Every structure is written in C-alpha cells, then in structure tokens.
Amino acid sequence: RRSGVVTPTEAALIVTLFARQADLNATWALVRPATSDHTPTIAPAGYTEAGMRVYRHLVRLGVTQLIEAHHPDLRTQLGDEAWDELITAFVRQSAWTSHHYGDLHDEFLAFLARESA
C-alpha cells in the first residue's frame, strides 16, 4: 500500500510473528534437521511434528533460493546431490540471528570461509 501505515490488526500480527520467531530462535538447535534425509528428530514443546516439518521446509527453501540466487554457477558446478549436502551443512552449522533472509548471504560466505580453512 502507498501510505505505509500499518493497521492495528497488521501490527498485532507482526508482534505475534516476531514473538513466535524469537521463540523458534531460542529453540533453533532443537529444530535443525539432524540427518541427511532431513528427518526431524525433536519437536519442541508446544509444536507439532507436522508444523515443524513445514517450518523446516520453509527455512530450507528460503535458504536454498537465496543462496542459489547469489551463486547460480556454484549449484550448476556442484550438481544436485553435492548442492543438497552443502545447503544441509550450512543450515545445520549456521546460527544466524537476523530476521531477514537477505542477511543469510553474509552468513553463507562466512560458512564457506570456515569450511575451506
């Protein structure tokens, strides 16, 4: 919308989403995929396994799309299997704190630097 004004309903939704994200960030170590086939291992209290599968899928999808947009040649060079392993390792080892997917690129570069050192 042009005005940029947030309605009270939208403001309440934003606050709720940020609170939920903060809660998920606090339990992030519990929700990361722990196996190569992305089989969930633990659902934190108050979360359903189905909900956690959706959350994990969306996190992985967002990460994959963002990293591929910055490094399209890397995916082509690696092939699907190696690309999947790289993304899995990145998601497992990363503990980004930003709420913006755009900030993941810097975290990915730091991850590559750590892995290649």
N, C-alpha and C. Protein backbone atom coordinates (compact mmCIF):
# COMPACT_ATOMS: atom_id res chain seq x y z
N ARG A 1 0.84 -1.18 0.00
CA ARG A 1 0.00 0.00 0.00
C ARG A 1 0.87 1.23 0.00
N ARG A 2 0.38 2.30 -0.52
CA ARG A 2 1.18 3.51 -0.69
C ARG A 2 1.42 4.25 0.61
N SER A 3 0.44 4.24 1.51
CA SER A 3 0.57 5.06 2.72
C SER A 3 1.63 4.53 3.66
N GLY A 4 1.87 3.23 3.64
CA GLY A 4 2.85 2.65 4.54
C GLY A 4 2.35 2.52 5.96
N VAL A 5 1.10 2.89 6.19
CA VAL A 5 0.53 2.82 7.53
C VAL A 5 0.12 1.38 7.82
N VAL A 6 0.50 0.92 8.99
CA VAL A 6 0.16 -0.44 9.42
C VAL A 6 -1.13 -0.36 10.24
N THR A 7 -2.07 -1.20 9.91
CA THR A 7 -3.33 -1.24 10.65
C THR A 7 -3.09 -1.91 12.00
N PRO A 8 -3.99 -1.69 12.97
CA PRO A 8 -3.84 -2.37 14.27
C PRO A 8 -3.80 -3.89 14.14
N THR A 9 -4.58 -4.45 13.23
CA THR A 9 -4.58 -5.90 13.03
C THR A 9 -3.23 -6.36 12.49
N GLU A 10 -2.69 -5.62 11.52
CA GLU A 10 -1.38 -5.96 10.98
C GLU A 10 -0.29 -5.83 12.05
N ALA A 11 -0.38 -4.79 12.86
CA ALA A 11 0.60 -4.60 13.93
C ALA A 11 0.56 -5.77 14.92
N ALA A 12 -0.63 -6.21 15.27
CA ALA A 12 -0.76 -7.34 16.19
C ALA A 12 -0.18 -8.60 15.57
N LEU A 13 -0.42 -8.81 14.29
CA LEU A 13 0.12 -9.97 13.60
C LEU A 13 1.65 -9.92 13.56
N ILE A 14 2.20 -8.76 13.28
CA ILE A 14 3.66 -8.60 13.24
C ILE A 14 4.27 -8.92 14.61
N VAL A 15 3.68 -8.39 15.66
CA VAL A 15 4.18 -8.65 17.02
C VAL A 15 4.11 -10.14 17.32
N THR A 16 3.00 -10.77 16.95
CA THR A 16 2.84 -12.21 17.18
C THR A 16 3.89 -13.00 16.41
N LEU A 17 4.11 -12.65 15.15
CA LEU A 17 5.11 -13.36 14.35
C LEU A 17 6.52 -13.18 14.89
N PHE A 18 6.86 -11.97 15.32
CA PHE A 18 8.19 -11.75 15.88
C PHE A 18 8.37 -12.51 17.20
N ALA A 19 7.31 -12.57 18.00
CA ALA A 19 7.39 -13.34 19.25
C ALA A 19 7.57 -14.82 18.94
N ARG A 20 6.85 -15.32 17.96
CA ARG A 20 6.96 -16.73 17.57
C ARG A 20 8.36 -17.01 17.02
N GLN A 21 8.88 -16.08 16.20
CA GLN A 21 10.22 -16.25 15.66
C GLN A 21 11.26 -16.23 16.77
N ALA A 22 11.10 -15.36 17.75
CA ALA A 22 12.04 -15.32 18.87
C ALA A 22 12.01 -16.63 19.63
N ASP A 23 10.83 -17.19 19.80
CA ASP A 23 10.70 -18.48 20.47
C ASP A 23 11.39 -19.57 19.66
N LEU A 24 11.20 -19.55 18.35
CA LEU A 24 11.86 -20.54 17.49
C LEU A 24 13.37 -20.35 17.49
N ASN A 25 13.83 -19.10 17.50
CA ASN A 25 15.27 -18.86 17.57
C ASN A 25 15.85 -19.43 18.85
N ALA A 26 15.10 -19.33 19.94
CA ALA A 26 15.58 -19.83 21.22
C ALA A 26 15.72 -21.34 21.21
N THR A 27 14.93 -22.02 20.39
CA THR A 27 15.00 -23.48 20.35
C THR A 27 15.57 -23.97 19.02
N TRP A 28 16.28 -23.10 18.30
CA TRP A 28 16.76 -23.43 16.96
C TRP A 28 17.58 -24.71 16.93
N ALA A 29 18.41 -24.91 17.93
CA ALA A 29 19.23 -26.12 17.94
C ALA A 29 18.37 -27.38 17.96
N LEU A 30 17.17 -27.26 18.46
CA LEU A 30 16.29 -28.42 18.53
C LEU A 30 15.56 -28.69 17.22
N VAL A 31 15.44 -27.69 16.38
CA VAL A 31 14.62 -27.86 15.18
C VAL A 31 15.43 -28.04 13.91
N ARG A 32 16.73 -27.90 13.98
CA ARG A 32 17.53 -28.13 12.78
C ARG A 32 17.44 -29.58 12.35
N PRO A 33 17.43 -29.84 11.06
CA PRO A 33 17.47 -31.24 10.62
C PRO A 33 18.76 -31.89 11.11
N ALA A 34 18.66 -33.07 11.66
CA ALA A 34 19.83 -33.72 12.23
C ALA A 34 20.31 -34.89 11.39
N THR A 35 19.62 -35.21 10.33
CA THR A 35 20.02 -36.34 9.50
C THR A 35 20.10 -35.89 8.05
N SER A 36 20.81 -36.62 7.25
CA SER A 36 20.99 -36.23 5.86
C SER A 36 19.69 -36.29 5.06
N ASP A 37 18.73 -37.09 5.52
CA ASP A 37 17.47 -37.14 4.79
C ASP A 37 16.45 -36.14 5.35
N HIS A 38 16.93 -35.24 6.21
CA HIS A 38 16.11 -34.16 6.78
C HIS A 38 14.99 -34.68 7.67
N THR A 39 15.14 -35.89 8.21
CA THR A 39 14.14 -36.44 9.10
C THR A 39 14.17 -35.66 10.40
N PRO A 40 13.04 -35.09 10.80
CA PRO A 40 13.02 -34.35 12.06
C PRO A 40 13.32 -35.26 13.24
N THR A 41 14.00 -34.74 14.22
CA THR A 41 14.35 -35.56 15.37
C THR A 41 13.63 -35.12 16.63
N ILE A 42 13.37 -33.84 16.79
CA ILE A 42 12.76 -33.33 18.01
C ILE A 42 11.79 -32.21 17.65
N ALA A 43 10.63 -32.24 18.25
CA ALA A 43 9.70 -31.11 18.13
C ALA A 43 9.64 -30.46 19.51
N PRO A 44 10.03 -29.19 19.63
CA PRO A 44 9.99 -28.52 20.92
C PRO A 44 8.57 -28.53 21.51
N ALA A 45 8.50 -28.44 22.80
CA ALA A 45 7.21 -28.42 23.48
C ALA A 45 6.33 -27.33 22.89
N GLY A 46 5.09 -27.66 22.64
CA GLY A 46 4.15 -26.70 22.10
C GLY A 46 4.08 -26.67 20.59
N TYR A 47 4.91 -27.48 19.92
CA TYR A 47 4.93 -27.53 18.46
C TYR A 47 4.58 -28.93 18.01
N THR A 48 3.82 -29.03 16.93
CA THR A 48 3.52 -30.35 16.39
C THR A 48 4.62 -30.75 15.42
N GLU A 49 4.78 -32.05 15.24
CA GLU A 49 5.79 -32.52 14.29
C GLU A 49 5.45 -32.07 12.88
N ALA A 50 4.17 -32.08 12.54
CA ALA A 50 3.76 -31.62 11.20
C ALA A 50 4.11 -30.15 11.01
N GLY A 51 3.86 -29.34 12.02
CA GLY A 51 4.20 -27.92 11.94
C GLY A 51 5.70 -27.71 11.80
N MET A 52 6.49 -28.51 12.52
CA MET A 52 7.93 -28.39 12.44
C MET A 52 8.45 -28.82 11.07
N ARG A 53 7.81 -29.82 10.46
CA ARG A 53 8.20 -30.22 9.11
C ARG A 53 7.98 -29.07 8.13
N VAL A 54 6.85 -28.39 8.27
CA VAL A 54 6.56 -27.25 7.40
C VAL A 54 7.59 -26.15 7.65
N TYR A 55 7.86 -25.86 8.90
CA TYR A 55 8.83 -24.82 9.24
C TYR A 55 10.21 -25.16 8.66
N ARG A 56 10.66 -26.38 8.86
CA ARG A 56 11.96 -26.79 8.33
C ARG A 56 12.01 -26.67 6.80
N HIS A 57 10.92 -27.09 6.17
CA HIS A 57 10.86 -27.00 4.71
C HIS A 57 10.98 -25.54 4.26
N LEU A 58 10.25 -24.65 4.91
CA LEU A 58 10.26 -23.24 4.51
C LEU A 58 11.62 -22.60 4.77
N VAL A 59 12.26 -22.95 5.88
CA VAL A 59 13.60 -22.43 6.14
C VAL A 59 14.55 -22.90 5.06
N ARG A 60 14.52 -24.19 4.79
CA ARG A 60 15.42 -24.76 3.77
C ARG A 60 15.15 -24.17 2.39
N LEU A 61 13.88 -24.02 2.04
CA LEU A 61 13.51 -23.43 0.75
C LEU A 61 14.03 -22.00 0.64
N GLY A 62 13.81 -21.21 1.69
CA GLY A 62 14.29 -19.83 1.67
C GLY A 62 15.80 -19.75 1.54
N VAL A 63 16.50 -20.57 2.31
CA VAL A 63 17.96 -20.59 2.24
C VAL A 63 18.43 -21.01 0.86
N THR A 64 17.85 -22.08 0.34
CA THR A 64 18.25 -22.58 -0.98
C THR A 64 18.05 -21.53 -2.06
N GLN A 65 16.89 -20.90 -2.06
CA GLN A 65 16.59 -19.90 -3.09
C GLN A 65 17.52 -18.70 -2.99
N LEU A 66 17.76 -18.24 -1.78
CA LEU A 66 18.62 -17.07 -1.62
C LEU A 66 20.05 -17.37 -2.03
N ILE A 67 20.59 -18.48 -1.57
CA ILE A 67 21.98 -18.82 -1.88
C ILE A 67 22.13 -19.11 -3.38
N GLU A 68 21.18 -19.80 -3.95
CA GLU A 68 21.25 -20.08 -5.39
C GLU A 68 21.16 -18.79 -6.21
N ALA A 69 20.38 -17.82 -5.76
CA ALA A 69 20.28 -16.55 -6.48
C ALA A 69 21.62 -15.82 -6.49
N HIS A 70 22.38 -15.94 -5.42
CA HIS A 70 23.70 -15.30 -5.35
C HIS A 70 24.80 -16.12 -6.03
N HIS A 71 24.61 -17.43 -6.07
CA HIS A 71 25.65 -18.32 -6.59
C HIS A 71 25.09 -19.36 -7.56
N PRO A 72 24.48 -18.93 -8.67
CA PRO A 72 23.87 -19.91 -9.58
C PRO A 72 24.89 -20.87 -10.20
N ASP A 73 26.08 -20.37 -10.46
CA ASP A 73 27.10 -21.24 -11.06
C ASP A 73 27.58 -22.31 -10.09
N LEU A 74 27.59 -21.98 -8.81
CA LEU A 74 28.03 -22.94 -7.81
C LEU A 74 27.11 -24.17 -7.81
N ARG A 75 25.81 -23.94 -7.87
CA ARG A 75 24.89 -25.08 -7.89
C ARG A 75 25.10 -25.92 -9.14
N THR A 76 25.28 -25.26 -10.27
CA THR A 76 25.50 -25.98 -11.52
C THR A 76 26.77 -26.82 -11.44
N GLN A 77 27.84 -26.23 -10.90
CA GLN A 77 29.12 -26.93 -10.81
C GLN A 77 29.05 -28.11 -9.84
N LEU A 78 28.33 -27.93 -8.73
CA LEU A 78 28.27 -28.98 -7.72
C LEU A 78 27.35 -30.13 -8.11
N GLY A 79 26.28 -29.83 -8.80
CA GLY A 79 25.26 -30.84 -9.08
C GLY A 79 24.30 -30.93 -7.91
N ASP A 80 23.17 -31.61 -8.14
CA ASP A 80 22.10 -31.63 -7.15
C ASP A 80 22.49 -32.25 -5.81
N GLU A 81 23.16 -33.38 -5.86
CA GLU A 81 23.48 -34.08 -4.61
C GLU A 81 24.46 -33.29 -3.74
N ALA A 82 25.53 -32.80 -4.34
CA ALA A 82 26.51 -32.02 -3.58
C ALA A 82 25.92 -30.70 -3.11
N TRP A 83 25.07 -30.08 -3.95
CA TRP A 83 24.40 -28.84 -3.56
C TRP A 83 23.53 -29.09 -2.33
N ASP A 84 22.77 -30.17 -2.35
CA ASP A 84 21.91 -30.51 -1.23
C ASP A 84 22.73 -30.72 0.05
N GLU A 85 23.87 -31.38 -0.07
CA GLU A 85 24.75 -31.60 1.08
C GLU A 85 25.31 -30.27 1.60
N LEU A 86 25.66 -29.36 0.69
CA LEU A 86 26.17 -28.06 1.09
C LEU A 86 25.10 -27.27 1.85
N ILE A 87 23.89 -27.24 1.32
CA ILE A 87 22.81 -26.50 1.97
C ILE A 87 22.49 -27.12 3.33
N THR A 88 22.47 -28.46 3.40
CA THR A 88 22.21 -29.14 4.66
C THR A 88 23.27 -28.78 5.70
N ALA A 89 24.52 -28.81 5.30
CA ALA A 89 25.60 -28.46 6.22
C ALA A 89 25.49 -27.00 6.67
N PHE A 90 25.16 -26.12 5.74
CA PHE A 90 25.02 -24.71 6.09
C PHE A 90 23.89 -24.50 7.09
N VAL A 91 22.74 -25.11 6.85
CA VAL A 91 21.61 -24.94 7.76
C VAL A 91 21.94 -25.51 9.14
N ARG A 92 22.58 -26.66 9.18
CA ARG A 92 22.94 -27.28 10.46
C ARG A 92 23.93 -26.46 11.26
N GLN A 93 24.93 -25.91 10.58
CA GLN A 93 26.02 -25.24 11.28
C GLN A 93 25.79 -23.76 11.49
N SER A 94 24.78 -23.20 10.87
CA SER A 94 24.53 -21.77 11.00
C SER A 94 23.63 -21.49 12.18
N ALA A 95 23.88 -20.35 12.76
CA ALA A 95 23.03 -19.89 13.87
C ALA A 95 22.75 -18.41 13.66
N TRP A 96 22.25 -18.08 12.47
CA TRP A 96 22.00 -16.68 12.16
C TRP A 96 20.91 -16.14 13.08
N THR A 97 21.03 -14.85 13.37
CA THR A 97 20.09 -14.23 14.31
C THR A 97 19.20 -13.20 13.64
N SER A 98 19.49 -12.86 12.41
CA SER A 98 18.69 -11.86 11.71
C SER A 98 17.35 -12.44 11.30
N HIS A 99 16.35 -11.57 11.23
CA HIS A 99 15.02 -11.97 10.76
C HIS A 99 14.89 -11.75 9.25
N HIS A 100 15.98 -11.37 8.59
CA HIS A 100 15.94 -11.05 7.17
C HIS A 100 16.74 -12.09 6.39
N TYR A 101 16.08 -12.73 5.44
CA TYR A 101 16.77 -13.73 4.63
C TYR A 101 17.94 -13.12 3.87
N GLY A 102 17.84 -11.85 3.51
CA GLY A 102 18.92 -11.21 2.78
C GLY A 102 20.24 -11.22 3.52
N ASP A 103 20.19 -11.28 4.84
CA ASP A 103 21.41 -11.32 5.65
C ASP A 103 22.09 -12.69 5.62
N LEU A 104 21.39 -13.68 5.10
CA LEU A 104 21.97 -15.03 5.06
C LEU A 104 23.16 -15.13 4.11
N HIS A 105 23.21 -14.28 3.12
CA HIS A 105 24.31 -14.35 2.17
C HIS A 105 25.64 -14.15 2.88
N ASP A 106 25.73 -13.16 3.76
CA ASP A 106 26.96 -12.93 4.50
C ASP A 106 27.29 -14.12 5.40
N GLU A 107 26.27 -14.70 6.01
CA GLU A 107 26.48 -15.88 6.85
C GLU A 107 26.97 -17.05 6.00
N PHE A 108 26.45 -17.18 4.79
CA PHE A 108 26.89 -18.26 3.90
C PHE A 108 28.35 -18.08 3.51
N LEU A 109 28.75 -16.84 3.20
CA LEU A 109 30.14 -16.58 2.87
C LEU A 109 31.06 -16.90 4.05
N ALA A 110 30.63 -16.56 5.26
CA ALA A 110 31.41 -16.90 6.46
C ALA A 110 31.49 -18.41 6.63
N PHE A 111 30.39 -19.10 6.36
CA PHE A 111 30.36 -20.56 6.43
C PHE A 111 31.36 -21.16 5.45
N LEU A 112 31.36 -20.67 4.21
CA LEU A 112 32.30 -21.18 3.21
C LEU A 112 33.74 -20.93 3.64
N ALA A 113 34.00 -19.77 4.22
CA ALA A 113 35.35 -19.45 4.69
C ALA A 113 35.78 -20.42 5.80
N ARG A 114 34.86 -20.69 6.74
CA ARG A 114 35.17 -21.63 7.83
C ARG A 114 35.42 -23.03 7.29
N GLU A 115 34.59 -23.45 6.34
CA GLU A 115 34.71 -24.81 5.80
C GLU A 115 35.95 -25.00 4.94
N SER A 116 36.40 -23.93 4.30
CA SER A 116 37.55 -24.08 3.41
C SER A 116 38.87 -23.78 4.13
N ALA A 117 38.81 -23.37 5.38
CA ALA A 117 40.03 -23.04 6.14
C ALA A 117 40.74 -24.30 6.59
